[in-house]
Amino acid sequence: PDELNDVEDLIAFNRFDVRHVVPILRAHELEVKSSPSEKRYILVMPRGERNLLQAMSDERLSRDPEKIVYFVRDIVPAIIHLHNDHNILHSDLKPRNFVRIQGDWKLID
């Protein structure tokens, strides 16, 4: 949708393949006291174990070719899924926007 009007729209917007993209589990609408017509939401998503930036530092991921191949095999399908299946170009691909959940790398934001 061009505009998300309520919590149900947010959940319905959650149409991405969860093998590649972190799903929205629940959404809650917040009241903005200073601007009653403005809508804000709290999105509840599964907790990631760590992001790619942390893994690159702590696990020396960037120096292990096997781990790099594993990451690329997880994340390239996510980018292709967004682009080919949903006509979305993710414009903020960076290490912090990839998180590991139950051993699999997924795209956020």
N, C-alpha and C. Protein backbone atom coordinates (compact mmCIF):
# COMPACT_ATOMS: atom_id res chain seq x y z
N PRO A 1 0.82 -1.20 0.00
CA PRO A 1 0.00 0.00 0.00
C PRO A 1 0.86 1.26 0.00
N ASP A 2 0.30 2.33 -0.55
CA ASP A 2 1.02 3.60 -0.56
C ASP A 2 1.10 4.19 0.83
N GLU A 3 0.05 3.98 1.63
CA GLU A 3 0.00 4.55 2.97
C GLU A 3 -0.54 3.49 3.92
N LEU A 4 0.07 3.40 5.09
CA LEU A 4 -0.40 2.48 6.11
C LEU A 4 -1.32 3.24 7.04
N ASN A 5 -2.59 2.82 7.13
CA ASN A 5 -3.58 3.58 7.88
C ASN A 5 -3.78 3.10 9.31
N ASP A 6 -3.50 1.85 9.59
CA ASP A 6 -3.71 1.35 10.94
C ASP A 6 -2.86 0.11 11.18
N VAL A 7 -2.99 -0.44 12.37
CA VAL A 7 -2.19 -1.60 12.77
C VAL A 7 -2.44 -2.78 11.83
N GLU A 8 -3.69 -3.00 11.42
CA GLU A 8 -4.00 -4.11 10.52
C GLU A 8 -3.26 -3.97 9.19
N ASP A 9 -3.16 -2.74 8.68
CA ASP A 9 -2.42 -2.51 7.44
C ASP A 9 -0.94 -2.88 7.62
N LEU A 10 -0.38 -2.56 8.78
CA LEU A 10 1.03 -2.89 9.04
C LEU A 10 1.24 -4.40 9.00
N ILE A 11 0.36 -5.12 9.65
CA ILE A 11 0.49 -6.58 9.67
C ILE A 11 0.29 -7.15 8.27
N ALA A 12 -0.69 -6.64 7.53
CA ALA A 12 -0.93 -7.09 6.15
C ALA A 12 0.25 -6.76 5.25
N PHE A 13 0.93 -5.64 5.53
CA PHE A 13 2.09 -5.22 4.75
C PHE A 13 3.24 -6.21 4.93
N ASN A 14 3.19 -7.00 5.97
CA ASN A 14 4.21 -7.98 6.30
C ASN A 14 4.10 -9.18 5.35
N ARG A 15 4.31 -8.93 4.08
CA ARG A 15 4.09 -9.94 3.05
C ARG A 15 5.39 -10.57 2.55
N PHE A 16 6.48 -10.25 3.18
CA PHE A 16 7.77 -10.71 2.70
C PHE A 16 8.05 -12.13 3.17
N ASP A 17 8.86 -12.81 2.41
CA ASP A 17 9.25 -14.18 2.73
C ASP A 17 10.13 -14.16 3.99
N VAL A 18 9.66 -14.78 5.07
CA VAL A 18 10.37 -14.71 6.35
C VAL A 18 11.70 -15.47 6.33
N ARG A 19 11.96 -16.22 5.27
CA ARG A 19 13.29 -16.84 5.16
C ARG A 19 14.35 -15.77 4.95
N HIS A 20 13.93 -14.60 4.44
CA HIS A 20 14.88 -13.56 4.07
C HIS A 20 14.75 -12.26 4.86
N VAL A 21 13.54 -11.97 5.33
CA VAL A 21 13.25 -10.69 5.95
C VAL A 21 12.64 -10.94 7.32
N VAL A 22 13.04 -10.16 8.31
CA VAL A 22 12.52 -10.32 9.67
C VAL A 22 11.03 -9.95 9.67
N PRO A 23 10.16 -10.84 10.16
CA PRO A 23 8.72 -10.57 10.13
C PRO A 23 8.26 -9.64 11.26
N ILE A 24 7.14 -8.99 11.03
CA ILE A 24 6.47 -8.22 12.07
C ILE A 24 5.54 -9.19 12.79
N LEU A 25 5.75 -9.38 14.09
CA LEU A 25 4.91 -10.30 14.86
C LEU A 25 3.64 -9.60 15.35
N ARG A 26 3.82 -8.36 15.83
CA ARG A 26 2.69 -7.56 16.31
C ARG A 26 3.01 -6.10 16.06
N ALA A 27 1.97 -5.30 16.03
CA ALA A 27 2.14 -3.85 15.90
C ALA A 27 1.16 -3.17 16.83
N HIS A 28 1.60 -2.09 17.46
CA HIS A 28 0.77 -1.32 18.37
C HIS A 28 0.81 0.14 17.96
N GLU A 29 -0.35 0.76 17.86
CA GLU A 29 -0.41 2.17 17.51
C GLU A 29 -0.22 3.02 18.76
N LEU A 30 0.55 4.08 18.63
CA LEU A 30 0.80 5.00 19.74
C LEU A 30 0.08 6.31 19.49
N GLU A 31 -0.36 6.92 20.54
CA GLU A 31 -0.95 8.25 20.45
C GLU A 31 0.16 9.29 20.61
N VAL A 32 0.21 10.23 19.70
CA VAL A 32 1.19 11.31 19.78
C VAL A 32 0.46 12.53 20.33
N LYS A 33 0.68 12.83 21.60
CA LYS A 33 -0.07 13.89 22.28
C LYS A 33 0.13 15.26 21.64
N SER A 34 1.32 15.54 21.15
CA SER A 34 1.59 16.85 20.56
C SER A 34 0.98 17.00 19.17
N SER A 35 0.62 15.87 18.55
CA SER A 35 0.06 15.91 17.20
C SER A 35 -0.91 14.74 17.04
N PRO A 36 -2.18 14.91 17.48
CA PRO A 36 -3.14 13.81 17.49
C PRO A 36 -3.38 13.14 16.13
N SER A 37 -3.16 13.86 15.03
CA SER A 37 -3.39 13.26 13.72
C SER A 37 -2.20 12.41 13.25
N GLU A 38 -1.07 12.58 13.92
CA GLU A 38 0.13 11.82 13.55
C GLU A 38 0.04 10.41 14.14
N LYS A 39 0.41 9.42 13.33
CA LYS A 39 0.39 8.04 13.80
C LYS A 39 1.81 7.51 13.92
N ARG A 40 2.06 6.83 15.02
CA ARG A 40 3.33 6.15 15.24
C ARG A 40 3.02 4.74 15.72
N TYR A 41 3.95 3.85 15.45
CA TYR A 41 3.72 2.45 15.77
C TYR A 41 4.93 1.85 16.48
N ILE A 42 4.65 0.88 17.33
CA ILE A 42 5.68 0.03 17.89
C ILE A 42 5.56 -1.29 17.16
N LEU A 43 6.64 -1.74 16.54
CA LEU A 43 6.64 -3.01 15.83
C LEU A 43 7.38 -4.04 16.66
N VAL A 44 6.78 -5.20 16.85
CA VAL A 44 7.40 -6.28 17.59
C VAL A 44 7.89 -7.31 16.58
N MET A 45 9.20 -7.58 16.62
CA MET A 45 9.83 -8.51 15.70
C MET A 45 10.68 -9.49 16.50
N PRO A 46 11.03 -10.63 15.91
CA PRO A 46 11.91 -11.55 16.63
C PRO A 46 13.25 -10.87 16.94
N ARG A 47 13.81 -11.23 18.06
CA ARG A 47 15.09 -10.65 18.46
C ARG A 47 16.23 -11.32 17.69
N GLY A 48 17.07 -10.50 17.10
CA GLY A 48 18.25 -11.02 16.41
C GLY A 48 19.35 -11.32 17.40
N GLU A 49 20.16 -12.31 17.09
CA GLU A 49 21.28 -12.67 17.96
C GLU A 49 22.36 -11.60 17.91
N ARG A 50 22.61 -11.09 16.71
CA ARG A 50 23.58 -10.02 16.51
C ARG A 50 23.49 -9.55 15.08
N ASN A 51 24.00 -8.36 14.84
CA ASN A 51 24.00 -7.87 13.47
C ASN A 51 25.34 -8.18 12.81
N LEU A 52 25.40 -7.95 11.52
CA LEU A 52 26.61 -8.29 10.76
C LEU A 52 27.82 -7.49 11.22
N LEU A 53 27.63 -6.24 11.59
CA LEU A 53 28.74 -5.43 12.06
C LEU A 53 29.37 -6.06 13.31
N GLN A 54 28.53 -6.51 14.23
CA GLN A 54 29.05 -7.17 15.44
C GLN A 54 29.78 -8.46 15.08
N ALA A 55 29.20 -9.24 14.17
CA ALA A 55 29.82 -10.50 13.78
C ALA A 55 31.16 -10.28 13.08
N MET A 56 31.23 -9.23 12.27
CA MET A 56 32.49 -8.94 11.58
C MET A 56 33.59 -8.62 12.58
N SER A 57 33.23 -7.96 13.66
CA SER A 57 34.20 -7.58 14.68
C SER A 57 34.50 -8.73 15.63
N ASP A 58 33.45 -9.26 16.26
CA ASP A 58 33.62 -10.26 17.32
C ASP A 58 34.02 -11.64 16.81
N GLU A 59 33.49 -12.02 15.65
CA GLU A 59 33.72 -13.38 15.14
C GLU A 59 34.73 -13.40 14.01
N ARG A 60 35.29 -12.23 13.70
CA ARG A 60 36.25 -12.13 12.61
C ARG A 60 35.65 -12.68 11.30
N LEU A 61 34.37 -12.41 11.14
CA LEU A 61 33.63 -12.92 9.98
C LEU A 61 34.26 -12.48 8.67
N SER A 62 34.76 -11.25 8.62
CA SER A 62 35.29 -10.72 7.37
C SER A 62 36.59 -11.39 6.94
N ARG A 63 37.17 -12.21 7.82
CA ARG A 63 38.45 -12.88 7.49
C ARG A 63 38.29 -14.37 7.24
N ASP A 64 37.06 -14.86 7.28
CA ASP A 64 36.82 -16.29 7.10
C ASP A 64 36.01 -16.51 5.82
N PRO A 65 36.66 -16.97 4.74
CA PRO A 65 35.96 -17.12 3.45
C PRO A 65 34.72 -18.01 3.53
N GLU A 66 34.77 -19.07 4.33
CA GLU A 66 33.60 -19.96 4.44
C GLU A 66 32.41 -19.24 5.07
N LYS A 67 32.66 -18.42 6.08
CA LYS A 67 31.57 -17.67 6.71
C LYS A 67 31.04 -16.60 5.77
N ILE A 68 31.91 -16.01 4.97
CA ILE A 68 31.47 -15.00 4.00
C ILE A 68 30.55 -15.64 2.97
N VAL A 69 30.92 -16.81 2.47
CA VAL A 69 30.08 -17.52 1.50
C VAL A 69 28.73 -17.86 2.12
N TYR A 70 28.72 -18.32 3.36
CA TYR A 70 27.46 -18.65 4.05
C TYR A 70 26.57 -17.41 4.16
N PHE A 71 27.17 -16.28 4.54
CA PHE A 71 26.42 -15.03 4.65
C PHE A 71 25.84 -14.63 3.30
N VAL A 72 26.67 -14.65 2.27
CA VAL A 72 26.21 -14.24 0.93
C VAL A 72 25.08 -15.15 0.46
N ARG A 73 25.17 -16.44 0.70
CA ARG A 73 24.10 -17.36 0.30
C ARG A 73 22.80 -17.08 1.04
N ASP A 74 22.87 -16.54 2.23
CA ASP A 74 21.67 -16.17 2.98
C ASP A 74 21.09 -14.83 2.51
N ILE A 75 21.95 -13.86 2.27
CA ILE A 75 21.47 -12.50 2.10
C ILE A 75 21.16 -12.13 0.65
N VAL A 76 21.86 -12.67 -0.32
CA VAL A 76 21.57 -12.34 -1.72
C VAL A 76 20.13 -12.72 -2.08
N PRO A 77 19.62 -13.88 -1.67
CA PRO A 77 18.21 -14.18 -1.97
C PRO A 77 17.24 -13.18 -1.35
N ALA A 78 17.60 -12.59 -0.20
CA ALA A 78 16.74 -11.57 0.41
C ALA A 78 16.64 -10.34 -0.47
N ILE A 79 17.77 -9.91 -0.99
CA ILE A 79 17.78 -8.73 -1.85
C ILE A 79 17.03 -9.02 -3.16
N ILE A 80 17.25 -10.19 -3.72
CA ILE A 80 16.54 -10.58 -4.96
C ILE A 80 15.05 -10.67 -4.69
N HIS A 81 14.66 -11.23 -3.54
CA HIS A 81 13.24 -11.37 -3.17
C HIS A 81 12.57 -10.00 -3.13
N LEU A 82 13.19 -9.04 -2.47
CA LEU A 82 12.60 -7.70 -2.39
C LEU A 82 12.49 -7.07 -3.77
N HIS A 83 13.55 -7.20 -4.56
CA HIS A 83 13.59 -6.54 -5.86
C HIS A 83 12.66 -7.22 -6.88
N ASN A 84 12.79 -8.52 -7.04
CA ASN A 84 12.03 -9.22 -8.08
C ASN A 84 10.57 -9.46 -7.70
N ASP A 85 10.33 -9.84 -6.44
CA ASP A 85 8.97 -10.21 -6.03
C ASP A 85 8.13 -9.02 -5.57
N HIS A 86 8.78 -7.95 -5.10
CA HIS A 86 8.03 -6.83 -4.54
C HIS A 86 8.40 -5.47 -5.14
N ASN A 87 9.29 -5.48 -6.11
CA ASN A 87 9.69 -4.25 -6.80
C ASN A 87 10.21 -3.19 -5.81
N ILE A 88 10.97 -3.66 -4.80
CA ILE A 88 11.53 -2.78 -3.77
C ILE A 88 13.05 -2.79 -3.89
N LEU A 89 13.61 -1.61 -3.91
CA LEU A 89 15.06 -1.46 -3.89
C LEU A 89 15.45 -0.98 -2.49
N HIS A 90 16.12 -1.82 -1.73
CA HIS A 90 16.56 -1.45 -0.38
C HIS A 90 17.70 -0.46 -0.53
N SER A 91 17.51 0.74 -0.03
CA SER A 91 18.50 1.80 -0.25
C SER A 91 19.45 2.00 0.93
N ASP A 92 19.41 1.11 1.91
CA ASP A 92 20.26 1.28 3.09
C ASP A 92 20.91 -0.04 3.48
N LEU A 93 21.57 -0.67 2.50
CA LEU A 93 22.25 -1.93 2.78
C LEU A 93 23.56 -1.62 3.48
N LYS A 94 23.65 -2.05 4.73
CA LYS A 94 24.85 -1.87 5.53
C LYS A 94 24.89 -2.97 6.58
N PRO A 95 26.05 -3.24 7.16
CA PRO A 95 26.17 -4.36 8.10
C PRO A 95 25.15 -4.35 9.25
N ARG A 96 24.77 -3.19 9.74
CA ARG A 96 23.81 -3.14 10.85
C ARG A 96 22.40 -3.57 10.43
N ASN A 97 22.12 -3.58 9.13
CA ASN A 97 20.79 -3.95 8.67
C ASN A 97 20.66 -5.42 8.29
N PHE A 98 21.65 -6.21 8.65
CA PHE A 98 21.57 -7.66 8.51
C PHE A 98 21.70 -8.24 9.91
N VAL A 99 20.74 -9.07 10.30
CA VAL A 99 20.79 -9.68 11.63
C VAL A 99 20.70 -11.19 11.50
N ARG A 100 21.31 -11.85 12.47
CA ARG A 100 21.26 -13.31 12.50
C ARG A 100 20.16 -13.73 13.47
N ILE A 101 19.25 -14.55 12.98
CA ILE A 101 18.17 -15.09 13.80
C ILE A 101 18.18 -16.60 13.61
N GLN A 102 18.38 -17.30 14.69
CA GLN A 102 18.46 -18.77 14.69
C GLN A 102 19.40 -19.27 13.61
N GLY A 103 20.55 -18.60 13.51
CA GLY A 103 21.60 -19.04 12.59
C GLY A 103 21.49 -18.54 11.16
N ASP A 104 20.39 -17.92 10.81
CA ASP A 104 20.18 -17.42 9.45
C ASP A 104 20.28 -15.91 9.42
N TRP A 105 20.94 -15.37 8.37
CA TRP A 105 21.02 -13.92 8.19
C TRP A 105 19.79 -13.41 7.51
N LYS A 106 19.23 -12.32 8.06
CA LYS A 106 18.01 -11.72 7.51
C LYS A 106 18.19 -10.22 7.40
N LEU A 107 17.40 -9.64 6.51
CA LEU A 107 17.45 -8.21 6.24
C LEU A 107 16.42 -7.49 7.08
N ILE A 108 16.81 -6.34 7.64
CA ILE A 108 15.88 -5.49 8.40
C ILE A 108 15.85 -4.11 7.78
N ASP A 109 15.01 -3.23 8.31
CA ASP A 109 14.85 -1.84 7.89
C ASP A 109 14.37 -1.77 6.47
